[in-house]
Amino acid sequence: MIKVYGIKNCDSVRKALKYLKGHALEFEFIDFRETPVSDKEISQWLKYSDINTLFNTRGTTYRTLKLKELNLDDQDKKIWLAKENMLIKRPVIVLDNDLIVGYNENLYNEKLQ
């Protein structure tokens, strides 16, 4: 089953959910705020994606925490993702043996059909 991780009020997450519903794809939605993502899950995701794809440097949380000033390496970024899930680029769509980060309709057409 497709799992979609994100937050309900994120535009990209809403677009992804609309896409999945519109294509009658069965999925489970996991809200970061209600069910935080663990370090173990992030490690699993990193088997299919790289840290820079998952780590959101354009969001409010990144700026508020002033993480740019810390010059984080990949391990530090991974620690921050588990500690502060709002740093995860959204949505994260987990498939059996793949991962899609962000909303990209062309990629969805390719991997979800």
C-alpha atoms as a PDB file:
ATOM      1  CA  MET A   1       0.000   0.000   0.000  1.00  0.00           C
ATOM      2  CA  ILE A   2       1.085   3.558  -0.706  1.00  0.00           C
ATOM      3  CA  LYS A   3       1.926   5.620   2.377  1.00  0.00           C
ATOM      4  CA  VAL A   4       1.866   9.399   2.211  1.00  0.00           C
ATOM      5  CA  TYR A   5       3.709  11.372   4.895  1.00  0.00           C
ATOM      6  CA  GLY A   6       3.151  15.076   5.393  1.00  0.00           C
ATOM      7  CA  ILE A   7       0.890  17.598   7.064  1.00  0.00           C
ATOM      8  CA  LYS A   8      -2.728  18.308   6.193  1.00  0.00           C
ATOM      9  CA  ASN A   9      -2.367  22.024   5.520  1.00  0.00           C
ATOM     10  CA  CYS A  10       0.594  21.750   3.090  1.00  0.00           C
ATOM     11  CA  ASP A  11      -0.291  22.675  -0.518  1.00  0.00           C
ATOM     12  CA  SER A  12       2.002  20.010  -2.001  1.00  0.00           C
ATOM     13  CA  VAL A  13       0.492  17.345   0.238  1.00  0.00           C
ATOM     14  CA  ARG A  14      -3.023  18.412  -0.738  1.00  0.00           C
ATOM     15  CA  LYS A  15      -2.103  18.184  -4.431  1.00  0.00           C
ATOM     16  CA  ALA A  16      -0.621  14.716  -3.915  1.00  0.00           C
ATOM     17  CA  LEU A  17      -3.696  13.480  -2.044  1.00  0.00           C
ATOM     18  CA  LYS A  18      -5.968  14.917  -4.745  1.00  0.00           C
ATOM     19  CA  TYR A  19      -3.884  13.144  -7.395  1.00  0.00           C
ATOM     20  CA  LEU A  20      -4.078   9.813  -5.561  1.00  0.00           C
ATOM     21  CA  LYS A  21      -7.831  10.116  -4.996  1.00  0.00           C
ATOM     22  CA  GLY A  22      -8.371  11.224  -8.603  1.00  0.00           C
ATOM     23  CA  HIS A  23      -6.575   8.122  -9.853  1.00  0.00           C
ATOM     24  CA  ALA A  24      -8.419   5.842  -7.410  1.00  0.00           C
ATOM     25  CA  LEU A  25      -5.172   4.776  -5.740  1.00  0.00           C
ATOM     26  CA  GLU A  26      -5.436   3.338  -2.256  1.00  0.00           C
ATOM     27  CA  PHE A  27      -3.196   5.040   0.284  1.00  0.00           C
ATOM     28  CA  GLU A  28      -2.632   5.695   3.952  1.00  0.00           C
ATOM     29  CA  PHE A  29      -1.944   9.260   5.095  1.00  0.00           C
ATOM     30  CA  ILE A  30       0.411   9.784   8.039  1.00  0.00           C
ATOM     31  CA  ASP A  31       0.507  13.282   9.516  1.00  0.00           C
ATOM     32  CA  PHE A  32       3.945  14.253  10.887  1.00  0.00           C
ATOM     33  CA  ARG A  33       2.321  16.236  13.664  1.00  0.00           C
ATOM     34  CA  GLU A  34       0.212  13.334  14.918  1.00  0.00           C
ATOM     35  CA  THR A  35       2.677  10.513  14.235  1.00  0.00           C
ATOM     36  CA  PRO A  36       6.289  11.726  14.184  1.00  0.00           C
ATOM     37  CA  VAL A  37       8.669   9.985  11.800  1.00  0.00           C
ATOM     38  CA  SER A  38      11.445   8.087  13.561  1.00  0.00           C
ATOM     39  CA  ASP A  39      15.148   7.914  12.814  1.00  0.00           C
ATOM     40  CA  LYS A  40      14.592   4.311  11.683  1.00  0.00           C
ATOM     41  CA  GLU A  41      12.012   5.385   9.071  1.00  0.00           C
ATOM     42  CA  ILE A  42      14.277   8.154   7.820  1.00  0.00           C
ATOM     43  CA  SER A  43      17.108   5.623   7.469  1.00  0.00           C
ATOM     44  CA  GLN A  44      14.778   3.461   5.364  1.00  0.00           C
ATOM     45  CA  TRP A  45      13.880   6.431   3.174  1.00  0.00           C
ATOM     46  CA  LEU A  46      17.548   7.208   2.618  1.00  0.00           C
ATOM     47  CA  LYS A  47      17.917   3.864   0.860  1.00  0.00           C
ATOM     48  CA  TYR A  48      15.772   5.312  -1.958  1.00  0.00           C
ATOM     49  CA  SER A  49      16.556   9.015  -1.760  1.00  0.00           C
ATOM     50  CA  ASP A  50      19.412  11.261  -0.740  1.00  0.00           C
ATOM     51  CA  ILE A  51      19.480  13.494   2.324  1.00  0.00           C
ATOM     52  CA  ASN A  52      19.418  16.719   0.306  1.00  0.00           C
ATOM     53  CA  THR A  53      16.180  15.682  -1.399  1.00  0.00           C
ATOM     54  CA  LEU A  54      14.528  14.950   1.955  1.00  0.00           C
ATOM     55  CA  PHE A  55      15.917  17.948   3.834  1.00  0.00           C
ATOM     56  CA  ASN A  56      13.821  21.072   3.243  1.00  0.00           C
ATOM     57  CA  THR A  57      16.043  24.152   3.228  1.00  0.00           C
ATOM     58  CA  ARG A  58      13.301  26.402   1.850  1.00  0.00           C
ATOM     59  CA  GLY A  59      10.817  26.136   4.699  1.00  0.00           C
ATOM     60  CA  THR A  60      10.057  28.339   7.656  1.00  0.00           C
ATOM     61  CA  THR A  61      11.360  25.782  10.157  1.00  0.00           C
ATOM     62  CA  TYR A  62      14.808  25.779   8.537  1.00  0.00           C
ATOM     63  CA  ARG A  63      15.001  29.570   8.685  1.00  0.00           C
ATOM     64  CA  THR A  64      13.557  29.810  12.203  1.00  0.00           C
ATOM     65  CA  LEU A  65      16.085  27.313  13.573  1.00  0.00           C
ATOM     66  CA  LYS A  66      18.891  29.155  11.708  1.00  0.00           C
ATOM     67  CA  LEU A  67      20.282  25.844  10.494  1.00  0.00           C
ATOM     68  CA  LYS A  68      22.081  27.421   7.537  1.00  0.00           C
ATOM     69  CA  GLU A  69      24.528  28.967   9.999  1.00  0.00           C
ATOM     70  CA  LEU A  70      25.429  25.517  11.368  1.00  0.00           C
ATOM     71  CA  ASN A  71      26.803  24.167   8.053  1.00  0.00           C
ATOM     72  CA  LEU A  72      25.250  20.752   8.687  1.00  0.00           C
ATOM     73  CA  ASP A  73      26.795  17.624   7.211  1.00  0.00           C
ATOM     74  CA  ASP A  74      24.622  14.715   6.028  1.00  0.00           C
ATOM     75  CA  GLN A  75      24.621  12.974   9.417  1.00  0.00           C
ATOM     76  CA  ASP A  76      23.613  16.210  11.169  1.00  0.00           C
ATOM     77  CA  LYS A  77      20.794  16.691   8.663  1.00  0.00           C
ATOM     78  CA  LYS A  78      19.527  13.174   9.335  1.00  0.00           C
ATOM     79  CA  ILE A  79      19.533  13.846  13.096  1.00  0.00           C
ATOM     80  CA  TRP A  80      17.613  17.095  12.556  1.00  0.00           C
ATOM     81  CA  LEU A  81      15.025  15.370  10.320  1.00  0.00           C
ATOM     82  CA  ALA A  82      14.204  12.904  13.097  1.00  0.00           C
ATOM     83  CA  LYS A  83      14.210  15.617  15.759  1.00  0.00           C
ATOM     84  CA  GLU A  84      12.148  18.130  13.751  1.00  0.00           C
ATOM     85  CA  ASN A  85       9.893  16.439  11.180  1.00  0.00           C
ATOM     86  CA  MET A  86       8.829  19.783   9.744  1.00  0.00           C
ATOM     87  CA  LEU A  87      12.255  19.873   8.057  1.00  0.00           C
ATOM     88  CA  ILE A  88      11.215  16.951   5.843  1.00  0.00           C
ATOM     89  CA  LYS A  89      10.290  18.008   2.324  1.00  0.00           C
ATOM     90  CA  ARG A  90       6.662  17.121   1.701  1.00  0.00           C
ATOM     91  CA  PRO A  91       4.975  14.944   0.766  1.00  0.00           C
ATOM     92  CA  VAL A  92       6.997  11.773   1.134  1.00  0.00           C
ATOM     93  CA  ILE A  93       5.314   8.935  -0.728  1.00  0.00           C
ATOM     94  CA  VAL A  94       6.545   5.489   0.251  1.00  0.00           C
ATOM     95  CA  LEU A  95       6.024   2.646  -2.194  1.00  0.00           C
ATOM     96  CA  ASP A  96       7.113  -0.987  -1.792  1.00  0.00           C
ATOM     97  CA  ASN A  97      10.615  -0.415  -3.180  1.00  0.00           C
ATOM     98  CA  ASP A  98      10.716   3.283  -3.955  1.00  0.00           C
ATOM     99  CA  LEU A  99      10.174   6.755  -2.579  1.00  0.00           C
ATOM    100  CA  ILE A 100       8.856   9.970  -4.089  1.00  0.00           C
ATOM    101  CA  VAL A 101       9.594  13.281  -2.375  1.00  0.00           C
ATOM    102  CA  GLY A 102       7.563  16.374  -3.206  1.00  0.00           C
ATOM    103  CA  TYR A 103       4.736  16.823  -5.671  1.00  0.00           C
ATOM    104  CA  ASN A 104       5.656  16.027  -9.262  1.00  0.00           C
ATOM    105  CA  GLU A 105       2.746  14.930 -11.455  1.00  0.00           C
ATOM    106  CA  ASN A 106       4.992  13.529 -14.203  1.00  0.00           C
ATOM    107  CA  LEU A 107       6.859  11.397 -11.689  1.00  0.00           C
ATOM    108  CA  TYR A 108       3.570  10.303 -10.144  1.00  0.00           C
ATOM    109  CA  ASN A 109       2.309   9.255 -13.589  1.00  0.00           C
ATOM    110  CA  GLU A 110       5.483   7.252 -14.111  1.00  0.00           C
ATOM    111  CA  LYS A 111       5.715   5.537 -10.718  1.00  0.00           C
ATOM    112  CA  LEU A 112       2.149   5.271  -9.470  1.00  0.00           C
ATOM    113  CA  GLN A 113       0.285   4.002 -12.521  1.00  0.00           C
END
